Protein backbone atom coordinates (compact mmCIF):
# COMPACT_ATOMS: atom_id res chain seq x y z
CA MET A 1 0.09 -0.10 0.00
CA LYS A 2 2.92 2.40 0.21
CA THR A 3 2.35 3.47 -3.59
CA ILE A 4 -0.95 4.88 -2.16
CA TYR A 5 -0.28 5.67 1.46
CA LYS A 6 2.83 7.92 0.50
CA TYR A 7 0.07 10.68 -0.15
CA THR A 8 -0.57 10.77 3.49
CA CYS A 9 2.07 13.29 4.22
CA LEU A 10 0.00 16.45 5.26
CA VAL A 11 2.51 18.91 3.94
CA ILE A 12 2.78 17.20 0.67
CA ILE A 13 -0.80 17.09 0.17
CA LEU A 14 -1.69 20.62 0.90
CA LEU A 15 1.27 21.96 -1.03
CA TYR A 16 -0.08 20.08 -3.97
CA CYS A 17 -3.56 21.15 -3.52
CA MET A 18 -2.69 24.92 -3.03
CA LEU A 19 -0.03 25.47 -5.60
CA PRO A 20 -1.11 26.46 -9.21
CA LEU A 21 -1.84 23.64 -11.50
CA PRO A 22 0.19 23.74 -14.62
CA GLY A 23 -2.14 24.22 -17.64
CA CYS A 24 -5.12 25.02 -15.81
CA ARG A 25 -7.68 27.91 -15.84
CA LYS A 26 -8.36 29.63 -12.59
CA PHE A 27 -10.90 27.99 -10.25
CA ILE A 28 -13.69 30.33 -9.43
CA GLU A 29 -12.73 33.35 -7.21
CA VAL A 30 -9.56 31.50 -5.88
CA ASP A 31 -7.21 33.79 -4.32
CA PRO A 32 -3.44 33.88 -5.68
CA PRO A 33 -1.93 30.59 -4.57
CA VAL A 34 -0.02 30.20 -1.48
CA THR A 35 3.69 29.35 -2.32
CA SER A 36 5.01 28.76 1.23
CA VAL A 37 2.93 26.51 3.47
CA ASN A 38 3.73 24.05 6.00
CA GLU A 39 1.76 21.94 8.51
CA GLY A 40 1.67 24.60 11.02
CA ASN A 41 0.39 27.43 9.09
CA VAL A 42 -2.08 25.92 6.46
CA TYR A 43 -4.94 26.28 9.03
CA ALA A 44 -3.71 29.31 10.85
CA ASP A 45 -5.70 31.49 8.29
CA ASN A 46 -9.21 31.42 6.90
CA SER A 47 -8.12 32.15 3.35
CA THR A 48 -5.38 29.44 3.19
CA ALA A 49 -7.60 26.87 4.81
CA ALA A 50 -10.26 27.49 2.22
CA ALA A 51 -7.74 27.32 -0.41
CA ALA A 52 -6.87 23.92 0.80
CA LEU A 53 -10.18 22.42 0.27
CA THR A 54 -10.58 24.42 -3.09
CA GLY A 55 -7.43 22.75 -4.23
CA ILE A 56 -9.01 19.40 -3.83
CA TYR A 57 -11.82 20.25 -6.00
CA SER A 58 -9.25 21.73 -8.56
CA LYS A 59 -7.30 18.53 -8.38
CA MET A 60 -10.37 16.34 -9.03
CA ALA A 61 -11.05 18.51 -11.95
CA ASN A 62 -7.54 18.35 -13.31
CA SER A 63 -7.01 14.60 -12.94
CA SER A 64 -8.75 11.53 -14.45
CA PHE A 65 -10.88 11.21 -11.35
CA SER A 66 -14.36 11.81 -12.89
CA LEU A 67 -13.43 9.83 -16.04
CA ASP A 68 -12.08 6.98 -14.16
CA LEU A 69 -15.43 6.78 -12.20
CA THR A 70 -17.60 7.32 -15.25
CA VAL A 71 -16.07 5.68 -18.28
CA LEU A 72 -14.43 2.55 -16.62
CA PRO A 73 -17.72 1.26 -14.81
CA GLU A 74 -19.79 2.18 -17.72
CA LEU A 75 -17.48 0.26 -20.22
CA ALA A 76 -17.74 -2.72 -17.84
CA ALA A 77 -21.52 -2.66 -17.99
CA ASP A 78 -23.64 -2.79 -21.25
CA ASN A 79 -23.93 0.95 -22.37
CA LEU A 80 -20.93 1.53 -24.32
CA ALA A 81 -18.97 -0.18 -27.12
CA LEU A 82 -15.22 0.28 -27.78
CA PHE A 83 -14.13 0.90 -31.46
CA ASN A 84 -10.49 -0.36 -31.09
CA LEU A 85 -9.81 -3.26 -28.70
CA ASP A 86 -5.95 -2.39 -28.92
CA LYS A 87 -6.63 0.37 -26.49
CA ILE A 88 -5.78 -1.89 -23.61
CA ASN A 89 -6.29 0.36 -20.73
CA TYR A 90 -10.01 0.50 -21.89
CA THR A 91 -10.26 -3.09 -23.26
CA ALA A 92 -9.69 -4.72 -19.93
CA TYR A 93 -12.49 -3.20 -18.40
CA TYR A 94 -14.71 -3.53 -21.62
CA GLN A 95 -14.24 -7.17 -21.84
CA ASN A 96 -14.15 -7.80 -17.93
CA ILE A 97 -10.78 -9.20 -18.26
CA LEU A 98 -8.71 -7.39 -15.66
CA GLN A 99 -5.77 -9.01 -14.07
CA PRO A 100 -4.38 -7.83 -10.90
CA SER A 101 -0.68 -7.67 -11.90
CA ASP A 102 -1.36 -5.60 -14.99
CA PRO A 103 0.09 -2.04 -14.13
CA SER A 104 -1.57 -0.42 -17.24
CA THR A 105 -5.10 -0.93 -16.24
CA VAL A 106 -5.62 -2.42 -12.70
CA PRO A 107 -4.47 0.65 -10.59
CA ARG A 108 -7.26 2.65 -11.88
CA PRO A 109 -9.56 3.68 -10.15
CA TRP A 110 -7.82 2.57 -6.88
CA LEU A 111 -4.95 5.00 -7.61
CA SER A 112 -7.40 7.78 -8.46
CA ILE A 113 -9.44 7.57 -5.30
CA TYR A 114 -7.32 6.78 -2.35
CA PRO A 115 -5.01 9.79 -2.60
CA PHE A 116 -8.16 12.15 -2.33
CA ALA A 117 -9.39 10.25 0.59
CA PHE A 118 -6.09 11.05 2.29
CA ASN A 119 -6.45 14.64 1.16
CA ALA A 120 -9.77 14.65 3.25
CA ASN A 121 -8.17 13.01 6.11
CA ALA A 122 -5.52 15.75 6.38
CA ALA A 123 -8.08 18.32 6.01
CA ILE A 124 -10.07 16.85 8.76
CA LYS A 125 -7.04 16.62 10.98
CA GLY A 126 -5.78 19.99 10.39
CA LEU A 127 -9.18 21.74 10.52
CA THR A 128 -9.94 19.95 13.93
CA GLU A 129 -6.67 20.86 15.36
CA SER A 130 -6.91 24.62 14.56
CA ASN A 131 -7.94 26.81 17.18
CA ILE A 132 -7.52 30.10 14.97
CA LEU A 133 -9.99 29.94 12.19
CA THR A 134 -13.40 31.66 12.30
CA LYS A 135 -15.98 29.30 13.86
CA VAL A 136 -18.33 29.30 10.66
CA VAL A 137 -15.30 28.91 8.28
CA LYS A 138 -14.16 26.01 10.21
CA GLN A 139 -17.63 24.42 10.39
CA ASN A 140 -18.16 24.84 6.82
CA LEU A 141 -14.79 23.39 5.82
CA LEU A 142 -14.83 20.49 8.20
CA GLY A 143 -18.38 19.63 6.69
CA GLU A 144 -16.70 19.49 2.98
CA ALA A 145 -14.14 17.43 4.19
CA TYR A 146 -16.33 14.82 5.87
CA PHE A 147 -18.59 14.92 2.74
CA LEU A 148 -15.50 14.21 0.35
CA ARG A 149 -14.39 11.39 2.71
CA ALA A 150 -17.84 9.77 2.55
CA PHE A 151 -17.97 10.27 -1.19
CA TYR A 152 -14.53 8.72 -2.03
CA TYR A 153 -15.34 5.66 0.24
CA PHE A 154 -18.65 5.27 -1.40
CA TYR A 155 -16.88 4.53 -4.64
CA LEU A 156 -14.15 2.49 -3.25
CA VAL A 157 -16.63 0.07 -1.41
CA ASN A 158 -18.81 -0.30 -4.37
CA LEU A 159 -16.02 -0.93 -6.84
CA TYR A 160 -13.82 -3.09 -4.71
CA GLY A 161 -16.08 -4.48 -1.78
CA ASP A 162 -14.25 -4.57 1.58
CA VAL A 163 -11.47 -2.12 1.44
CA PRO A 164 -8.80 -0.64 3.76
CA LEU A 165 -10.48 2.25 5.90
CA ALA A 166 -7.88 4.85 6.21
CA LEU A 167 -9.10 7.67 8.62
CA SER A 168 -5.79 9.41 9.61
CA THR A 169 -2.66 10.80 8.01
CA ASP A 170 -0.25 8.31 9.54
CA TYR A 171 1.48 6.47 6.87
CA THR A 172 2.88 4.02 9.54
CA VAL A 173 -0.58 2.84 10.20
CA ASN A 174 -1.97 3.35 6.81
CA ASN A 175 0.44 1.19 4.97
CA LYS A 176 -0.33 -1.82 7.25
CA LEU A 177 -4.15 -1.60 6.97
CA SER A 178 -5.99 -4.75 6.03
CA ARG A 179 -9.43 -4.65 4.35
CA ILE A 180 -12.56 -4.37 6.54
CA PRO A 181 -16.04 -5.57 5.77
CA THR A 182 -18.23 -3.59 3.54
CA SER A 183 -20.79 -3.11 6.28
CA GLN A 184 -18.28 -1.30 8.56
CA VAL A 185 -17.20 0.94 5.51
CA TYR A 186 -20.74 1.88 4.91
CA ALA A 187 -21.20 2.77 8.61
CA GLN A 188 -18.39 5.16 8.25
CA ILE A 189 -19.72 6.66 5.04
CA ILE A 190 -23.07 7.18 6.87
CA ALA A 191 -21.16 8.86 9.92
CA ASP A 192 -19.25 11.11 7.80
CA ALA A 193 -22.02 12.19 5.55
CA LYS A 194 -24.22 12.85 8.73
CA GLN A 195 -21.40 14.87 10.19
CA ALA A 196 -21.21 16.81 6.81
CA GLN A 197 -24.91 17.40 6.76
CA THR A 198 -24.71 18.80 10.42
CA LEU A 199 -21.69 21.19 9.54
CA LEU A 200 -22.39 22.54 6.03
CA SER A 201 -24.36 25.55 5.20
CA ASP A 202 -27.65 25.35 3.28
CA ASN A 203 -26.41 28.07 0.86
CA TYR A 204 -23.75 27.69 -1.76
CA LEU A 205 -20.59 29.59 -0.52
CA LYS A 206 -17.88 31.52 -2.35
CA SER A 207 -14.19 30.47 -2.21
CA ASP A 208 -13.89 31.90 1.33
CA ALA A 209 -16.14 29.28 2.60
CA PHE A 210 -18.02 32.02 4.53
CA THR A 211 -19.84 34.23 2.02
CA ALA A 212 -23.22 33.07 0.37
CA TYR A 213 -24.03 33.60 -3.31
CA ALA A 214 -26.95 35.75 -3.97
CA THR A 215 -29.99 33.83 -4.87
CA GLY A 216 -29.87 32.82 -8.62
CA GLU A 217 -26.15 33.57 -8.81
CA GLU A 218 -24.95 30.37 -7.13
CA GLU A 219 -21.68 28.82 -8.26
CA ARG A 220 -22.54 25.12 -7.23
CA ILE A 221 -18.86 24.01 -6.92
CA ARG A 222 -18.63 23.81 -3.09
CA PRO A 223 -20.66 20.98 -1.43
CA ASN A 224 -23.47 22.48 0.75
CA ARG A 225 -25.93 20.74 2.94
CA SER A 226 -28.10 19.27 0.32
CA THR A 227 -25.05 17.71 -1.36
CA ALA A 228 -24.48 15.64 1.74
CA ILE A 229 -28.28 14.90 2.06
CA ALA A 230 -28.10 13.66 -1.61
CA LEU A 231 -25.34 11.40 -0.86
CA LEU A 232 -27.10 9.73 2.22
CA ALA A 233 -30.09 9.27 0.17
CA ARG A 234 -28.03 7.23 -2.29
CA VAL A 235 -26.24 5.46 0.39
CA TYR A 236 -29.43 4.64 2.14
CA LEU A 237 -30.87 3.25 -1.19
CA TYR A 238 -27.94 1.19 -1.67
CA GLN A 239 -28.47 -0.21 1.96
CA LYS A 240 -32.03 -0.92 1.11
CA ASP A 241 -32.91 1.50 3.99
CA TRP A 242 -35.95 2.67 2.07
CA ALA A 243 -37.62 4.96 4.72
CA ASN A 244 -34.35 7.04 5.18
CA ALA A 245 -33.59 7.07 1.39
CA GLU A 246 -37.30 8.45 0.94
CA GLN A 247 -36.74 11.00 3.63
CA MET A 248 -33.24 12.33 2.39
CA ALA A 249 -34.40 12.60 -1.20
CA THR A 250 -37.62 14.29 -0.18
CA GLU A 251 -35.56 16.91 1.86
CA VAL A 252 -33.54 17.78 -1.26
CA ILE A 253 -36.69 17.72 -3.50
CA ASN A 254 -38.49 19.97 -1.23
CA LYS A 255 -36.00 22.79 -1.73
CA ALA A 256 -37.61 24.31 -4.62
CA THR A 257 -36.02 27.55 -4.42
CA LEU A 258 -32.58 25.90 -5.07
CA TYR A 259 -33.59 22.93 -7.27
CA SER A 260 -36.01 22.10 -9.97
CA THR A 261 -36.02 20.01 -13.00
CA THR A 262 -35.09 21.72 -16.13
CA ALA A 263 -35.68 21.24 -19.90
CA LEU A 264 -33.47 18.45 -21.19
CA ASN A 265 -31.12 20.70 -23.39
CA GLN A 266 -30.41 22.75 -20.00
CA VAL A 267 -29.75 19.90 -17.48
CA PHE A 268 -25.84 19.85 -18.11
CA LEU A 269 -25.21 23.64 -18.34
CA LYS A 270 -23.21 25.17 -15.58
CA ASN A 271 -25.14 25.89 -12.51
CA SER A 272 -28.56 24.69 -13.83
CA LYS A 273 -31.26 24.49 -11.28
CA GLU A 274 -30.83 20.67 -11.36
CA THR A 275 -27.37 20.69 -10.36
CA ILE A 276 -26.70 19.79 -6.74
CA TRP A 277 -22.86 19.75 -6.91
CA ALA A 278 -20.44 20.18 -9.77
CA LEU A 279 -16.74 20.12 -10.49
CA GLN A 280 -15.76 23.23 -12.47
CA PRO A 281 -13.29 22.40 -15.38
CA VAL A 282 -9.77 23.76 -14.83
CA LYS A 283 -7.99 22.55 -17.75
CA ASP A 284 -6.75 25.02 -20.35
CA ASN A 285 -8.87 25.23 -23.57
CA LEU A 286 -11.27 22.49 -22.25
CA ASN A 287 -14.98 22.18 -20.97
CA THR A 288 -15.76 18.89 -19.33
CA ASP A 289 -13.55 15.86 -19.76
CA GLU A 290 -16.84 13.87 -20.49
CA GLY A 291 -17.76 16.29 -23.34
CA ASN A 292 -14.24 15.98 -24.81
CA LEU A 293 -14.01 12.21 -24.75
CA PHE A 294 -17.56 11.10 -25.42
CA THR A 295 -18.18 13.71 -28.37
CA LEU A 296 -17.23 12.16 -31.81
CA ARG A 297 -16.07 14.73 -34.16
CA THR A 298 -16.51 13.42 -37.61
CA GLY A 299 -17.11 9.82 -39.14
CA GLU A 300 -15.95 6.90 -37.11
CA PRO A 301 -14.27 7.07 -33.72
CA GLU A 302 -10.76 8.36 -33.91
CA ILE A 303 -8.05 6.11 -32.77
CA ASN A 304 -5.25 8.77 -32.62
CA THR A 305 -7.32 10.90 -30.20
CA GLY A 306 -8.33 8.26 -28.00
CA ARG A 307 -12.03 9.06 -28.70
CA ILE A 308 -13.05 5.27 -29.36
CA ILE A 309 -15.89 5.04 -27.16
CA TYR A 310 -19.45 5.09 -28.59
CA LEU A 311 -22.81 3.87 -27.37
CA SER A 312 -23.84 0.24 -27.65
CA GLU A 313 -26.42 -1.17 -30.02
CA ASP A 314 -28.35 -2.70 -27.29
CA PHE A 315 -28.50 0.67 -25.51
CA MET A 316 -29.69 2.60 -28.46
CA ASP A 317 -32.21 -0.05 -29.30
CA SER A 318 -33.78 -0.12 -25.80
CA PHE A 319 -34.88 3.50 -25.82
CA GLN A 320 -38.68 3.60 -25.74
CA SER A 321 -40.49 5.29 -28.65
CA GLY A 322 -40.67 9.05 -28.28
CA ASP A 323 -38.11 9.49 -25.50
CA GLN A 324 -36.62 12.54 -26.26
CA ARG A 325 -33.37 11.70 -24.18
CA LYS A 326 -32.38 9.86 -27.18
CA ASN A 327 -32.65 12.96 -29.39
CA THR A 328 -31.15 15.31 -26.88
CA TRP A 329 -28.49 13.41 -25.08
CA THR A 330 -27.01 11.44 -27.83
CA GLY A 331 -25.56 12.22 -31.18
CA VAL A 332 -24.38 10.22 -34.13
CA GLN A 333 -21.48 10.08 -36.52
CA SER A 334 -21.47 7.77 -39.53
CA SER A 335 -18.59 5.97 -41.53
CA GLY A 336 -20.16 4.74 -44.69
CA THR A 337 -23.30 2.95 -43.63
CA LYS A 338 -22.11 2.36 -39.90
CA PRO A 339 -23.66 4.68 -37.45
CA TYR A 340 -21.62 5.54 -34.24
CA PRO A 341 -23.94 6.98 -31.73
CA TYR A 342 -22.34 8.73 -28.72
CA ALA A 343 -23.27 10.39 -25.40
CA ALA A 344 -24.02 14.03 -25.85
CA LYS A 345 -25.22 15.26 -22.61
CA TYR A 346 -22.28 17.62 -22.52
CA LYS A 347 -22.21 19.63 -25.80
CA ALA A 348 -19.04 21.74 -25.52
CA ILE A 349 -15.72 20.38 -26.81
CA GLU A 350 -12.28 21.82 -26.50
CA GLY A 351 -11.99 25.34 -27.51
CA SER A 352 -15.60 25.94 -27.85
CA ASP A 353 -18.03 27.82 -25.31
CA LEU A 354 -15.49 27.60 -22.57
CA GLY A 355 -17.08 27.94 -19.01
CA GLN A 356 -20.46 26.79 -20.19
CA GLU A 357 -20.64 23.44 -18.73
CA TYR A 358 -19.63 21.88 -15.45
CA THR A 359 -19.09 18.07 -14.79
CA ILE A 360 -22.10 17.48 -12.62
CA VAL A 361 -21.62 15.05 -9.80
CA PHE A 362 -25.13 15.03 -8.13
CA ARG A 363 -28.23 16.24 -9.55
CA LEU A 364 -32.04 16.41 -8.76
CA ALA A 365 -33.12 13.83 -11.08
CA GLU A 366 -31.30 11.15 -9.12
CA GLN A 367 -33.08 12.13 -6.20
CA TYR A 368 -36.60 11.63 -7.98
CA LEU A 369 -35.27 8.19 -8.75
CA ILE A 370 -34.24 7.33 -5.34
CA ARG A 371 -37.47 8.44 -3.97
CA ALA A 372 -39.54 6.60 -6.56
CA GLU A 373 -37.58 3.31 -5.77
CA ALA A 374 -37.99 3.87 -2.00
CA LYS A 375 -41.59 4.27 -2.38
CA ILE A 376 -42.18 1.45 -4.79
CA GLU A 377 -40.16 -0.95 -2.48
CA GLN A 378 -42.27 0.23 0.61
CA ASN A 379 -45.55 -0.81 -1.53
CA ARG A 380 -46.59 2.55 -2.27
CA VAL A 381 -46.52 1.98 -6.08
CA THR A 382 -48.71 4.85 -7.25
CA GLU A 383 -46.50 7.43 -5.39
CA GLY A 384 -43.45 6.12 -6.81
CA ILE A 385 -44.95 6.02 -10.41
CA ALA A 386 -45.71 9.73 -9.82
CA ASP A 387 -41.99 10.41 -9.21
CA LEU A 388 -41.11 8.52 -12.26
CA ASN A 389 -43.43 10.54 -14.31
CA VAL A 390 -41.80 13.71 -13.35
CA LEU A 391 -38.78 12.47 -15.41
CA ARG A 392 -40.59 11.06 -18.14
CA ASP A 393 -42.92 14.11 -18.64
CA ARG A 394 -39.96 16.19 -19.51
CA ALA A 395 -38.60 13.63 -22.10
CA ILE A 396 -41.83 13.95 -23.89
CA ASP A 397 -42.03 16.03 -27.24
CA LYS A 398 -45.13 17.93 -26.83
CA ASN A 399 -45.20 18.99 -30.37
CA ALA A 400 -45.09 15.69 -31.85
CA ASP A 401 -48.30 13.69 -32.59
CA ILE A 402 -49.78 11.99 -29.79
CA ASP A 403 -49.11 8.60 -31.06
CA GLU A 404 -45.43 9.47 -31.26
CA GLN A 405 -44.97 10.74 -27.87
CA LEU A 406 -43.33 8.98 -24.82
CA LYS A 407 -46.24 7.79 -22.77
CA LEU A 408 -46.41 8.52 -19.04
CA LEU A 409 -46.53 5.39 -16.77
CA PRO A 410 -50.00 4.20 -15.67
CA THR A 411 -50.69 4.26 -12.16
CA THR A 412 -52.02 0.63 -12.44
CA LEU A 413 -48.62 -0.99 -12.74
CA SER A 414 -47.98 -3.84 -10.41
CA LYS A 415 -45.02 -3.37 -8.11
CA ALA A 416 -42.88 -5.67 -10.42
CA GLU A 417 -43.89 -3.84 -13.32
CA ALA A 418 -43.15 -0.56 -11.65
CA LEU A 419 -39.51 -1.69 -10.68
CA THR A 420 -38.88 -2.63 -14.45
CA SER A 421 -39.92 0.78 -15.38
CA LEU A 422 -37.71 2.16 -12.76
CA SER A 423 -34.76 0.27 -14.04
CA TYR A 424 -35.42 1.81 -17.50
CA GLU A 425 -35.71 5.23 -16.20
CA ARG A 426 -32.32 4.99 -14.23
CA ARG A 427 -30.50 3.51 -17.33
CA PHE A 428 -31.57 6.27 -19.65
CA GLU A 429 -31.77 9.09 -17.13
CA LEU A 430 -28.13 8.46 -15.74
CA PHE A 431 -26.29 6.92 -18.48
CA CYS A 432 -22.48 7.75 -18.68
CA GLU A 433 -22.69 9.43 -15.30
CA TRP A 434 -20.53 8.26 -12.29
CA GLY A 435 -20.83 4.43 -12.70
CA HIS A 436 -24.77 4.37 -12.01
CA ARG A 437 -25.27 1.48 -14.52
CA TRP A 438 -22.93 -0.73 -13.37
CA PHE A 439 -23.81 -0.20 -9.59
CA ASP A 440 -27.34 -0.60 -10.40
CA LEU A 441 -27.07 -3.88 -12.16
CA LYS A 442 -25.01 -5.06 -9.11
CA ARG A 443 -27.30 -3.72 -6.22
CA THR A 444 -30.59 -5.20 -7.87
CA GLY A 445 -29.25 -8.52 -8.89
CA GLN A 446 -29.28 -8.09 -12.56
CA LEU A 447 -25.70 -8.05 -13.24
CA ASP A 448 -25.02 -11.84 -14.00
CA ALA A 449 -28.05 -12.05 -16.38
CA VAL A 450 -26.97 -8.85 -18.20
CA MET A 451 -23.36 -9.44 -18.35
CA THR A 452 -23.76 -13.06 -19.41
CA VAL A 453 -24.91 -11.74 -22.57
CA ALA A 454 -23.14 -8.42 -22.88
CA THR A 455 -19.47 -9.91 -22.13
CA THR A 456 -19.91 -12.19 -25.09
CA LEU A 457 -21.14 -9.48 -27.35
CA LYS A 458 -18.05 -7.60 -26.26
CA GLY A 459 -15.59 -10.39 -27.11
CA GLY A 460 -14.85 -11.13 -23.51
CA GLY A 461 -15.64 -14.87 -23.46
CA VAL A 462 -17.66 -16.28 -20.45
CA TRP A 463 -18.87 -13.78 -17.80
CA LYS A 464 -17.64 -14.79 -14.41
CA PRO A 465 -19.65 -13.44 -11.54
CA TYR A 466 -16.60 -12.55 -9.26
CA ARG A 467 -15.72 -9.82 -11.74
CA ALA A 468 -18.65 -8.00 -10.22
CA LEU A 469 -15.82 -6.53 -7.92
CA LEU A 470 -12.51 -5.04 -9.25
CA PRO A 471 -9.26 -6.80 -8.41
CA VAL A 472 -6.80 -4.98 -5.92
CA PRO A 473 -3.69 -3.98 -7.72
CA ALA A 474 -1.11 -6.84 -7.09
CA GLU A 475 1.42 -4.33 -6.35
CA GLU A 476 -0.41 -2.94 -3.37
CA ILE A 477 -0.65 -6.45 -2.13
CA ARG A 478 3.01 -6.95 -2.54
CA LEU A 479 3.80 -3.82 -0.55
CA ASN A 480 1.30 -4.47 2.26
CA SER A 481 1.09 -8.13 3.32
CA SER A 482 -2.22 -7.27 5.37
CA LEU A 483 -4.00 -6.86 2.08
CA SER A 484 -5.89 -9.62 0.49
CA GLN A 485 -7.16 -10.04 -3.19
CA ASN A 486 -10.75 -10.31 -4.09
CA ALA A 487 -12.10 -13.71 -4.77
CA GLY A 488 -11.44 -15.43 -8.25
CA TYR A 489 -8.25 -13.11 -9.11
CA THR A 490 -4.79 -14.41 -8.98
CA ASN A 491 -2.10 -12.02 -8.15
């Protein structure tokens, strides 16, 4: 684990977070970067403390973090197709043939997430020990740090199952940690998210972590209380705690001053009313990484640029007639008679309309889906269908002939039928966003049936159920004898 836990040195982390990122645009309202910091003075001043957390968000936007957690699980599932199987860092995920000893593929996303978890630990430690910061600033920043740690471990536990739970910055402890049961990791995630819920402001705050934006002018790039609640809603859903999932989702949905569903073509614009939390792009001449990677420019996918991912035939064929998410959130390029559909939620590419789109991490539509599922599972099927119809209604082209329009779900559906409809809505509402399809197939018990077909179509041979979890990188196990491998994999 030393290749991961070396990042736990507090000074190194905060220096890295706070120094200017080469080739990056300026993060919203960030003060001039601090160039001389140490463990003693980072949290001795409100501005440097706030800059430390801002630096984490900047680094998340400047790294492969969001792509690793979006593209790799989506490739592993059934929504995407791969144009060139020689692109080994994608092919192993796409065909579900990861090998723990392959350094070109396996460390992702393990190596993407753990350093950020240690950043959060360092922030929690420094903020907790500081007696100088303004009370409100300290409270808000601690809330952000606890939220981030919960968010990071949510992805670790859903990708790998049992994982080492590092809660300190002490590398002598961290590099000897063994994996602990998923249930214990989830307990910590919930505890951290609840702590964040208590500490965070209802408002979106500026870079000083103190001043609230005026209503309607919010930059939704620092987590607020609703962000922590949205994470809790998702976590409770995954734990099948239906009552709490419904309660948390409802709390977010009811904040109508801040959040509302928007027209399909406005959802992914920066600071849309549907955005709960987003990452602001910081790379020079780029908007979102998602828009840059998924958007096919001309003809067939481009091997030289790495844009070799497109939407699978099964995915496109599964859209219901009249669903405007197909027309609005997908595009198509053709080479001869071969169409290559692609995800087009984010429209802006490099050099165009800079600053028009942010990478959305949490949005309101997911909360409607969470509440719908929770209600249906509690046998309040009609209420759950009403929530699903909120999303279906905006996917209807009201100008089309009635026979060509997407239909609202009837309230007469059985529980089983409603859950089938829910699965459809989650697939086509959340595709190419933060691993939702892969996680949904796993948690609802559909993974083996779907992947038995999909893996063969992708050229991966026979699907093996143990591949529901990613392998722990063999190098991490070599460096930490306390670590074990996921069942089925050979180091």
